[in-house]
N, C-alpha and C. Protein backbone atom coordinates (compact mmCIF):
# COMPACT_ATOMS: atom_id res chain seq x y z
N MET A 1 0.98 -1.39 0.16
CA MET A 1 -0.15 0.10 0.07
C MET A 1 1.00 1.39 0.13
N ASP A 2 0.82 1.87 -0.85
CA ASP A 2 1.28 3.55 -0.51
C ASP A 2 0.34 4.27 -0.46
N LEU A 3 0.69 5.02 0.13
CA LEU A 3 -0.02 6.23 0.80
C LEU A 3 1.19 7.82 0.17
N GLY A 4 0.25 8.68 0.09
CA GLY A 4 0.69 8.80 -0.86
C GLY A 4 1.75 9.30 -2.35
N CYS A 5 1.00 8.32 -3.20
CA CYS A 5 1.68 7.97 -4.34
C CYS A 5 2.16 8.71 -5.30
N TRP A 6 1.18 9.50 -5.69
CA TRP A 6 1.54 10.86 -6.91
C TRP A 6 3.45 10.93 -6.66
N PRO A 7 3.75 11.10 -7.58
CA PRO A 7 3.52 10.73 -9.23
C PRO A 7 4.29 8.83 -10.02
N GLY A 8 4.37 8.12 -8.63
CA GLY A 8 3.66 6.49 -8.99
C GLY A 8 5.32 6.66 -8.92
N GLY A 9 6.64 6.66 -8.70
CA GLY A 9 8.20 5.74 -8.32
C GLY A 9 8.15 5.06 -7.20
N TRP A 10 7.06 4.87 -6.41
CA TRP A 10 7.04 4.13 -5.62
C TRP A 10 6.51 2.87 -5.12
N LEU A 11 5.75 3.06 -6.66
CA LEU A 11 4.50 1.81 -6.82
C LEU A 11 5.55 1.51 -7.96
N GLN A 12 6.32 2.16 -8.82
CA GLN A 12 6.97 1.11 -9.73
C GLN A 12 8.10 -0.32 -8.82
N VAL A 13 8.29 0.67 -7.94
CA VAL A 13 9.81 0.34 -7.14
C VAL A 13 8.94 -1.16 -6.25
N ALA A 14 7.93 -0.72 -5.74
CA ALA A 14 7.04 -1.63 -4.86
C ALA A 14 5.83 -3.03 -5.53
N SER A 15 5.77 -2.26 -6.84
CA SER A 15 5.16 -3.67 -7.74
C SER A 15 6.09 -4.10 -8.45
N ALA A 16 8.18 -4.12 -8.58
CA ALA A 16 8.96 -4.91 -9.25
C ALA A 16 9.42 -5.24 -7.83
N THR A 17 9.39 -5.39 -6.93
CA THR A 17 9.53 -5.89 -5.63
C THR A 17 8.61 -7.38 -5.01
N VAL A 18 7.15 -6.55 -4.93
CA VAL A 18 6.63 -7.87 -5.15
C VAL A 18 5.78 -8.96 -6.44
N GLY A 19 6.56 -8.72 -7.20
CA GLY A 19 6.76 -9.19 -8.72
C GLY A 19 5.30 -9.55 -9.27
N PRO A 20 4.97 -10.28 -9.66
CA PRO A 20 3.76 -10.79 -10.38
C PRO A 20 3.23 -10.98 -9.89
N LYS A 21 3.31 -12.11 -8.49
CA LYS A 21 2.27 -12.77 -7.75
C LYS A 21 1.50 -11.65 -6.53
N GLY A 22 1.81 -10.48 -6.03
CA GLY A 22 1.58 -9.64 -5.38
C GLY A 22 0.93 -8.80 -6.12
N LYS A 23 0.61 -7.69 -5.57
CA LYS A 23 -0.34 -6.48 -5.90
C LYS A 23 -0.26 -5.07 -5.06
N VAL A 24 0.21 -3.96 -5.98
CA VAL A 24 -0.21 -3.31 -5.02
C VAL A 24 -1.07 -1.91 -5.66
N VAL A 25 -1.11 -1.17 -3.98
CA VAL A 25 -2.21 0.15 -4.05
C VAL A 25 -1.73 1.47 -3.90
N GLY A 26 -2.07 2.69 -4.51
CA GLY A 26 -1.34 3.62 -3.75
C GLY A 26 -2.73 4.44 -3.68
N VAL A 27 -2.54 5.24 -3.28
CA VAL A 27 -3.99 6.48 -3.45
C VAL A 27 -2.90 7.39 -3.22
N ASP A 28 -3.93 8.68 -3.76
CA ASP A 28 -3.44 10.42 -3.62
C ASP A 28 -4.30 11.31 -4.53
N LYS A 29 -4.61 12.28 -3.74
CA LYS A 29 -5.32 12.86 -3.76
C LYS A 29 -5.21 13.58 -5.37
N ALA A 30 -4.04 13.90 -5.85
CA ALA A 30 -3.36 14.13 -7.18
C ALA A 30 -3.69 12.54 -8.17
N ALA A 31 -4.11 12.73 -9.09
CA ALA A 31 -4.75 11.25 -10.29
C ALA A 31 -2.64 10.75 -10.99
N ILE A 32 -2.57 9.36 -11.29
CA ILE A 32 -1.30 9.61 -12.09
C ILE A 32 -1.36 9.92 -13.27
N ASP A 33 -0.76 10.68 -13.84
CA ASP A 33 -1.02 10.85 -15.40
C ASP A 33 0.08 11.00 -15.80
N PRO A 34 0.45 10.11 -17.03
CA PRO A 34 -0.51 8.80 -17.29
C PRO A 34 -0.02 8.68 -16.94
N PRO A 35 -1.28 7.15 -16.32
CA PRO A 35 -1.51 6.14 -15.78
C PRO A 35 -0.44 5.12 -16.26
N LEU A 36 0.47 4.48 -14.82
CA LEU A 36 1.20 3.60 -15.19
C LEU A 36 -0.07 2.72 -15.63
N GLU A 37 1.18 1.66 -16.35
CA GLU A 37 0.19 0.51 -16.84
C GLU A 37 1.12 -1.08 -16.46
N ILE A 38 0.72 -0.76 -15.17
CA ILE A 38 2.07 -2.66 -14.59
C ILE A 38 0.51 -3.07 -14.39
N PRO A 39 0.72 -4.09 -14.85
CA PRO A 39 -0.37 -5.24 -14.37
C PRO A 39 -0.74 -5.73 -12.63
N ASN A 40 -0.05 -5.29 -11.84
CA ASN A 40 -0.04 -5.62 -10.46
C ASN A 40 -0.10 -4.05 -9.19
N CYS A 41 -0.39 -3.54 -10.22
CA CYS A 41 -0.69 -1.76 -9.75
C CYS A 41 -1.96 -1.40 -9.75
N GLU A 42 -1.94 -0.83 -9.27
CA GLU A 42 -3.45 0.23 -9.15
C GLU A 42 -3.27 0.97 -8.54
N SER A 43 -3.32 2.39 -9.01
CA SER A 43 -4.13 3.58 -8.27
C SER A 43 -5.39 4.38 -8.10
N VAL A 44 -4.95 5.27 -7.11
CA VAL A 44 -6.46 6.09 -7.04
C VAL A 44 -6.59 7.14 -6.55
N VAL A 45 -7.40 7.65 -7.05
CA VAL A 45 -7.72 8.79 -6.35
C VAL A 45 -8.58 9.06 -4.97
N GLY A 46 -7.56 9.50 -3.98
CA GLY A 46 -8.53 9.84 -2.86
C GLY A 46 -7.68 10.63 -1.69
N ASP A 47 -8.38 10.77 -1.04
CA ASP A 47 -8.72 11.14 0.62
C ASP A 47 -7.54 10.61 1.73
N LEU A 48 -6.22 10.57 2.27
CA LEU A 48 -5.72 9.91 3.14
C LEU A 48 -6.60 10.68 4.25
N GLU A 49 -7.28 11.64 4.87
CA GLU A 49 -8.27 11.91 5.59
C GLU A 49 -9.38 11.02 5.69
N ASP A 50 -10.01 10.79 4.42
CA ASP A 50 -11.27 9.85 4.55
C ASP A 50 -11.25 8.69 5.50
N PRO A 51 -11.94 8.61 6.44
CA PRO A 51 -11.91 7.18 7.29
C PRO A 51 -12.40 6.73 6.88
N LYS A 52 -13.34 6.53 5.22
CA LYS A 52 -13.91 5.64 4.77
C LYS A 52 -12.83 4.56 3.21
N LEU A 53 -11.35 5.62 3.69
CA LEU A 53 -11.12 5.43 2.20
C LEU A 53 -10.53 3.78 2.15
N CYS A 54 -10.00 2.99 3.57
CA CYS A 54 -10.09 1.36 3.38
C CYS A 54 -11.49 0.75 2.49
N GLU A 55 -12.56 1.12 2.73
CA GLU A 55 -13.49 0.29 1.65
C GLU A 55 -13.35 0.59 -0.51
N GLN A 56 -12.33 1.50 0.12
CA GLN A 56 -12.07 2.25 -1.62
C GLN A 56 -11.14 0.71 -1.73
N VAL A 57 -9.65 0.64 -0.79
CA VAL A 57 -8.63 0.08 -1.59
C VAL A 57 -8.29 -0.92 -0.78
N LEU A 58 -9.26 -1.73 0.19
CA LEU A 58 -9.05 -3.15 0.32
C LEU A 58 -9.00 -4.01 -0.95
N PRO A 59 -10.91 -3.80 -1.47
CA PRO A 59 -10.94 -5.20 -2.47
C PRO A 59 -9.88 -4.74 -3.32
N LEU A 60 -9.38 -3.60 -3.81
CA LEU A 60 -8.72 -3.84 -4.97
C LEU A 60 -6.99 -4.34 -4.24
N LEU A 61 -6.59 -4.03 -3.12
CA LEU A 61 -5.14 -4.71 -2.53
C LEU A 61 -5.55 -6.73 -2.58
N GLY A 62 -6.73 -6.45 -2.39
CA GLY A 62 -6.91 -8.19 -2.08
C GLY A 62 -7.17 -8.34 -0.49
N GLY A 63 -7.17 -7.71 0.20
CA GLY A 63 -7.31 -8.24 2.16
C GLY A 63 -5.74 -6.82 2.50
N LEU A 64 -5.82 -7.55 3.75
CA LEU A 64 -4.66 -5.67 4.32
C LEU A 64 -2.89 -6.36 4.09
N ALA A 65 -2.51 -4.93 3.97
CA ALA A 65 -1.24 -4.78 3.54
C ALA A 65 -0.60 -5.57 4.41
N GLY A 66 0.87 -5.98 3.78
CA GLY A 66 1.97 -6.58 4.34
C GLY A 66 3.01 -5.41 4.89
N LEU A 67 2.96 -4.23 3.67
CA LEU A 67 3.00 -3.07 4.14
C LEU A 67 3.19 -1.40 3.12
N ILE A 68 2.77 -1.04 4.32
CA ILE A 68 2.38 0.27 4.26
C ILE A 68 3.24 1.67 4.10
N LEU A 69 3.56 1.75 2.00
CA LEU A 69 4.85 2.98 1.90
C LEU A 69 3.94 4.48 2.48
N CYS A 70 4.75 5.42 3.04
CA CYS A 70 3.93 6.83 2.51
C CYS A 70 5.02 7.87 2.93
N ASP A 71 5.13 7.92 1.60
CA ASP A 71 6.21 9.09 0.96
C ASP A 71 5.19 10.23 0.94
N ALA A 72 4.01 10.77 1.40
CA ALA A 72 3.05 11.81 1.60
C ALA A 72 4.05 13.36 2.40
N ALA A 73 3.55 14.40 2.11
CA ALA A 73 3.78 15.63 2.66
C ALA A 73 2.79 16.40 2.35
N PRO A 74 2.48 17.50 3.07
CA PRO A 74 1.43 18.37 3.17
C PRO A 74 2.03 19.91 1.68
N LYS A 75 1.99 20.57 1.11
CA LYS A 75 1.81 21.11 0.61
C LYS A 75 2.51 22.70 1.40
N LEU A 76 3.69 22.84 1.28
CA LEU A 76 3.65 23.65 2.69
C LEU A 76 4.02 25.50 1.96
N THR A 77 3.44 25.94 2.59
CA THR A 77 2.98 27.49 2.57
C THR A 77 4.47 28.14 3.17
N GLY A 78 5.45 28.32 4.01
CA GLY A 78 6.48 29.10 4.36
C GLY A 78 6.35 29.47 5.63
N VAL A 79 4.31 29.23 6.19
CA VAL A 79 4.61 29.36 7.55
C VAL A 79 4.23 27.98 8.53
N ARG A 80 5.86 28.44 8.72
CA ARG A 80 5.70 27.05 9.61
C ARG A 80 5.11 26.81 11.10
N ALA A 81 4.48 27.98 11.71
CA ALA A 81 3.01 27.08 12.14
C ALA A 81 1.90 26.11 11.21
N VAL A 82 1.18 26.51 10.42
CA VAL A 82 -0.07 26.55 9.01
C VAL A 82 0.38 24.91 9.28
N ASP A 83 2.41 25.07 8.44
CA ASP A 83 2.65 23.53 7.63
C ASP A 83 3.24 23.00 9.23
N ARG A 84 3.34 23.60 10.46
CA ARG A 84 3.41 22.32 11.24
C ARG A 84 2.32 21.56 11.22
N ALA A 85 1.01 21.97 11.50
CA ALA A 85 -0.64 21.78 11.81
C ALA A 85 -0.50 20.26 10.76
N ASN A 86 -0.92 21.63 9.33
CA ASN A 86 -0.76 20.78 8.59
C ASN A 86 0.30 19.06 8.47
N GLU A 87 0.84 19.03 8.60
CA GLU A 87 2.02 18.06 8.98
C GLU A 87 1.54 16.98 9.86
N GLU A 88 1.34 17.31 10.81
CA GLU A 88 -0.10 16.98 12.40
C GLU A 88 -0.80 16.10 12.04
N ARG A 89 -2.16 16.93 11.11
CA ARG A 89 -3.05 16.60 10.44
C ARG A 89 -2.64 15.23 9.72
N LEU A 90 -1.80 15.00 8.75
CA LEU A 90 -2.31 14.14 7.61
C LEU A 90 -1.03 13.20 8.06
N LEU A 91 -0.27 13.25 9.04
CA LEU A 91 0.36 11.92 9.94
C LEU A 91 -0.67 11.71 10.74
N GLU A 92 -1.65 12.10 11.60
CA GLU A 92 -2.95 11.65 11.80
C GLU A 92 -3.46 10.66 11.46
N ALA A 93 -4.08 11.12 10.05
CA ALA A 93 -4.49 10.72 8.90
C ALA A 93 -4.15 9.37 8.82
N VAL A 94 -2.61 9.86 8.72
CA VAL A 94 -2.19 8.28 7.99
C VAL A 94 -2.07 6.61 9.12
N GLU A 95 -1.30 7.75 10.20
CA GLU A 95 -2.30 6.73 11.87
C GLU A 95 -3.03 6.03 11.73
N MET A 96 -4.65 6.83 11.78
CA MET A 96 -5.70 6.28 11.72
C MET A 96 -5.60 5.59 10.36
N GLN A 97 -5.07 5.06 9.67
CA GLN A 97 -5.59 4.27 8.22
C GLN A 97 -4.42 2.89 8.85
N ILE A 98 -3.69 2.81 9.54
CA ILE A 98 -2.45 1.59 9.80
C ILE A 98 -3.71 0.47 10.33
N PRO A 99 -4.67 0.42 10.93
CA PRO A 99 -5.51 -0.36 11.68
C PRO A 99 -6.32 -1.13 10.56
N LEU A 100 -6.20 -0.27 9.58
CA LEU A 100 -7.39 -0.40 9.04
C LEU A 100 -6.77 -1.10 7.67
N LEU A 101 -5.37 -1.18 7.35
CA LEU A 101 -5.52 -1.43 6.32
C LEU A 101 -4.01 -2.52 6.54
N LEU A 102 -2.85 -2.13 7.76
CA LEU A 102 -1.71 -3.28 8.06
C LEU A 102 -2.70 -4.54 8.02
N GLN A 103 -1.76 -5.63 8.23
CA GLN A 103 -2.10 -6.98 8.78
C GLN A 103 -0.95 -6.78 9.75
N GLU A 104 -1.25 -7.45 10.73
CA GLU A 104 -0.52 -7.77 12.33
C GLU A 104 0.53 -8.18 11.35
N GLY A 105 1.84 -8.35 12.27
CA GLY A 105 3.21 -7.80 11.99
C GLY A 105 3.92 -7.58 10.60
N GLY A 106 3.00 -7.16 9.74
CA GLY A 106 2.98 -5.92 8.64
C GLY A 106 4.59 -4.35 8.69
N ASP A 107 4.91 -3.90 8.46
CA ASP A 107 6.25 -3.08 8.34
C ASP A 107 5.15 -1.76 7.41
N PHE A 108 6.26 -0.75 8.49
CA PHE A 108 5.25 1.28 7.79
C PHE A 108 6.71 1.27 7.78
N LEU A 109 6.31 2.60 6.53
CA LEU A 109 7.76 3.53 6.22
C LEU A 109 6.92 4.79 6.03
N VAL A 110 6.66 6.12 6.98
CA VAL A 110 6.43 6.83 6.64
C VAL A 110 7.87 7.90 6.98
N LYS A 111 7.60 9.30 5.67
CA LYS A 111 8.10 10.59 5.82
C LYS A 111 7.40 11.83 6.97
N ILE A 112 8.71 11.99 7.48
CA ILE A 112 8.14 12.03 8.96
C ILE A 112 9.17 14.08 8.33
N LEU A 113 8.67 15.09 8.52
CA LEU A 113 9.22 16.48 8.59
C LEU A 113 9.28 16.85 10.57
N ASP A 114 10.56 16.69 10.70
CA ASP A 114 11.17 17.49 11.92
C ASP A 114 9.82 18.62 12.68
N GLY A 115 10.21 18.46 14.09
CA GLY A 115 8.72 19.41 14.51
C GLY A 115 8.16 18.19 15.65
N PRO A 116 8.06 19.33 16.92
CA PRO A 116 6.96 18.82 18.00
C PRO A 116 5.72 18.11 17.83
N GLU A 117 4.79 18.96 16.74
CA GLU A 117 3.97 18.16 16.49
C GLU A 117 4.65 16.70 15.89
N ALA A 118 5.09 16.66 14.72
CA ALA A 118 5.03 15.74 14.68
C ALA A 118 5.90 14.50 15.08
N GLN A 119 7.06 15.15 16.00
CA GLN A 119 6.93 14.05 17.17
C GLN A 119 5.98 13.43 17.95
N ILE A 120 5.76 14.10 18.67
CA ILE A 120 4.02 13.81 18.73
C ILE A 120 3.67 12.12 18.23
N VAL A 121 3.04 12.66 17.04
CA VAL A 121 2.90 11.44 16.57
C VAL A 121 3.47 10.44 16.05
N ASP A 122 4.62 10.48 15.72
CA ASP A 122 6.53 9.36 15.96
C ASP A 122 6.78 8.65 17.27
N ARG A 123 5.64 9.05 17.94
CA ARG A 123 5.96 8.52 19.32
C ARG A 123 4.46 7.22 19.33
N ARG A 124 3.97 8.03 19.06
CA ARG A 124 2.54 6.66 19.15
C ARG A 124 2.51 6.42 18.02
N ILE A 125 3.13 6.39 17.23
CA ILE A 125 3.30 5.12 15.61
C ILE A 125 4.33 3.83 16.37
N ARG A 126 4.67 3.95 16.61
CA ARG A 126 6.60 3.06 17.57
C ARG A 126 5.74 2.79 18.21
N MET A 127 4.46 3.32 19.61
CA MET A 127 4.26 2.51 20.61
C MET A 127 3.36 0.94 19.63
N LYS A 128 2.43 1.14 18.10
CA LYS A 128 2.08 0.18 18.23
C LYS A 128 3.28 -1.77 17.01
N PHE A 129 4.56 -0.98 17.25
CA PHE A 129 5.16 -2.11 16.56
C PHE A 129 6.22 -2.06 17.58
N ARG A 130 6.67 -4.00 16.81
CA ARG A 130 7.76 -4.41 17.73
C ARG A 130 8.62 -3.27 17.61
N ALA A 131 9.38 -3.15 16.54
CA ALA A 131 10.14 -2.12 15.98
C ALA A 131 10.41 -1.41 15.33
N ALA A 132 10.89 -0.25 15.96
CA ALA A 132 11.24 1.23 14.94
C ALA A 132 12.65 1.43 15.11
N LYS A 133 12.63 2.38 13.92
CA LYS A 133 13.46 3.78 14.10
C LYS A 133 13.99 4.61 12.59
N THR A 134 14.98 5.56 12.63
CA THR A 134 14.60 6.56 11.61
C THR A 134 15.37 6.10 11.17
N VAL A 135 15.63 6.73 9.94
CA VAL A 135 16.64 6.76 9.01
C VAL A 135 15.95 8.33 8.14
N LYS A 136 17.26 8.34 7.62
CA LYS A 136 17.54 10.34 6.74
C LYS A 136 18.24 9.08 5.84
N SER A 137 17.51 9.54 4.03
CA SER A 137 17.83 8.89 3.03
C SER A 137 19.52 10.24 3.07
N LYS A 138 20.57 9.22 1.95
CA LYS A 138 21.40 10.01 1.43
C LYS A 138 21.02 11.07 0.97
N ALA A 139 20.07 10.86 -0.14
CA ALA A 139 19.92 11.81 -0.71
C ALA A 139 18.61 13.51 -0.81
N THR A 140 18.57 13.16 0.64
CA THR A 140 18.04 14.54 1.50
C THR A 140 18.55 15.50 1.43
N ARG A 141 18.40 16.65 0.76
CA ARG A 141 18.88 17.51 0.36
C ARG A 141 19.12 18.51 2.37
N LYS A 142 20.56 18.83 2.03
CA LYS A 142 21.50 19.84 3.17
C LYS A 142 20.28 20.17 4.04
N GLY A 143 19.88 20.14 4.96
CA GLY A 143 19.41 20.87 5.47
C GLY A 143 18.15 20.68 6.03
N SER A 144 17.35 20.12 4.74
CA SER A 144 15.93 19.48 5.19
C SER A 144 15.63 18.93 6.58
N THR A 145 14.46 18.90 7.16
CA THR A 145 14.42 17.95 8.66
C THR A 145 13.80 17.38 7.78
N GLU A 146 13.76 16.34 5.87
CA GLU A 146 13.04 15.22 6.20
C GLU A 146 13.80 14.08 6.16
N ARG A 147 13.06 13.08 7.21
CA ARG A 147 13.44 11.53 7.72
C ARG A 147 12.47 10.46 7.20
N TYR A 148 12.75 9.85 7.87
CA TYR A 148 11.73 8.53 7.54
C TYR A 148 11.85 7.69 8.37
N LEU A 149 10.30 7.44 8.98
CA LEU A 149 10.32 5.86 10.59
C LEU A 149 10.23 5.08 9.90
N PHE A 150 10.39 4.18 9.77
CA PHE A 150 10.92 2.38 9.43
C PHE A 150 10.18 1.81 11.06
N ALA A 151 8.77 1.58 10.64
CA ALA A 151 8.29 0.43 11.67
C ALA A 151 8.35 -0.49 11.48
N LYS A 152 8.99 -2.40 11.83
CA LYS A 152 8.51 -3.17 11.60
C LYS A 152 8.11 -3.97 12.97
N GLY A 153 7.00 -4.87 11.73
CA GLY A 153 6.26 -5.54 13.33
C GLY A 153 5.22 -5.31 13.74
N TYR A 154 4.38 -4.62 12.99
CA TYR A 154 2.52 -4.23 13.43
C TYR A 154 2.03 -5.12 14.74
N ARG A 155 1.55 -4.30 15.65
CA ARG A 155 1.28 -4.97 16.65
C ARG A 155 0.00 -5.67 16.72
N GLY A 156 -0.69 -4.77 15.71
CA GLY A 156 -2.42 -5.33 15.47
C GLY A 156 -3.34 -4.28 16.39
N ALA A 157 -4.28 -4.36 15.96
CA ALA A 157 -5.18 -3.21 15.85
C ALA A 157 -6.08 -3.19 17.66
N LYS A 158 -6.28 -4.26 17.76
CA LYS A 158 -6.66 -4.44 19.44
C LYS A 158 -5.05 -4.08 20.32
N ASP A 159 -3.94 -3.88 20.14
CA ASP A 159 -2.91 -3.42 20.72
C ASP A 159 -3.21 -2.32 21.27
N THR A 160 -1.86 -2.45 22.94
CA THR A 160 -1.71 -1.16 23.78
C THR A 160 -0.95 -1.49 24.63
N ILE A 161 0.16 -0.50 24.60
CA ILE A 161 1.36 -1.10 25.39
C ILE A 161 1.57 -0.05 26.28
N GLU A 162 2.21 0.29 27.38
CA GLU A 162 2.56 1.23 28.20
C GLU A 162 3.72 2.20 27.79
N ALA A 163 4.71 1.67 26.74
CA ALA A 163 5.63 2.47 26.50
C ALA A 163 6.19 2.73 25.16
N PRO A 164 6.52 2.92 24.90
CA PRO A 164 7.02 2.91 22.91
C PRO A 164 8.55 1.94 23.24
N PRO A 165 8.45 1.37 22.10
CA PRO A 165 10.17 0.99 22.22
C PRO A 165 10.77 2.02 22.29
N GLU A 166 12.39 1.36 22.60
CA GLU A 166 13.48 2.94 22.59
C GLU A 166 13.49 3.27 21.18
N PRO A 167 13.79 4.26 20.54
CA PRO A 167 14.58 4.04 19.14
C PRO A 167 16.07 3.93 19.34
N GLU A 168 15.95 3.81 17.85
CA GLU A 168 17.50 2.92 17.18
C GLU A 168 17.73 4.41 16.91
N ALA A 169 19.21 4.51 17.53
CA ALA A 169 20.22 6.23 16.91
C ALA A 169 19.50 6.02 15.43
N ASP A 170 19.97 7.29 15.36
CA ASP A 170 19.20 7.84 13.60
C ASP A 170 20.54 7.23 12.79
N ALA A 171 20.16 6.89 10.96
CA ALA A 171 20.90 6.30 10.45
C ALA A 171 20.50 6.91 9.12
N THR A 172 21.84 7.40 8.20
CA THR A 172 21.68 7.72 7.18
C THR A 172 21.83 6.34 6.26
N ASP A 173 20.40 6.42 5.93
CA ASP A 173 20.19 5.20 4.90
C ASP A 173 19.17 5.37 3.50
N GLU A 174 19.55 4.83 2.97
CA GLU A 174 18.52 4.95 2.33
C GLU A 174 17.27 3.73 2.24
N PRO A 175 15.84 4.78 2.14
CA PRO A 175 14.91 3.71 2.44
C PRO A 175 14.55 2.39 2.26
């Protein structure tokens, strides 16, 4: 599952990774144009904040996903408070989709822009997984606050734990 899939690069990589027996579905507010003509890949125009998004994508996926990728980011306005609020709202929407789209034991990779609001959501997401670490791509522009949270082993929708797993040291790797 690719949340925030436009322009389609991650869909292509995911499709090649899962092979012809796998299935990849992407969602974005913007349509991929021209559409990708990949047999095991579909994209849907949809809003990550829509609580009924799963009803639209699960039939296409054929069940819960083993991996959710999310490279989505809000459009930046240049006003720090507005941008941080939009980032937090987007991360909360993505967090809301995890129990609806991800199978127990599944993995999750999400782009996060550094900021206090995003850190709160980051901590909550970490609690839902057995292990998590933050990575920063070598391709990230110098001075960018962009990083990725990679979480492994989704604990399931019913899981509640007392404290998040200890964060691993930040790394600079290709996600």
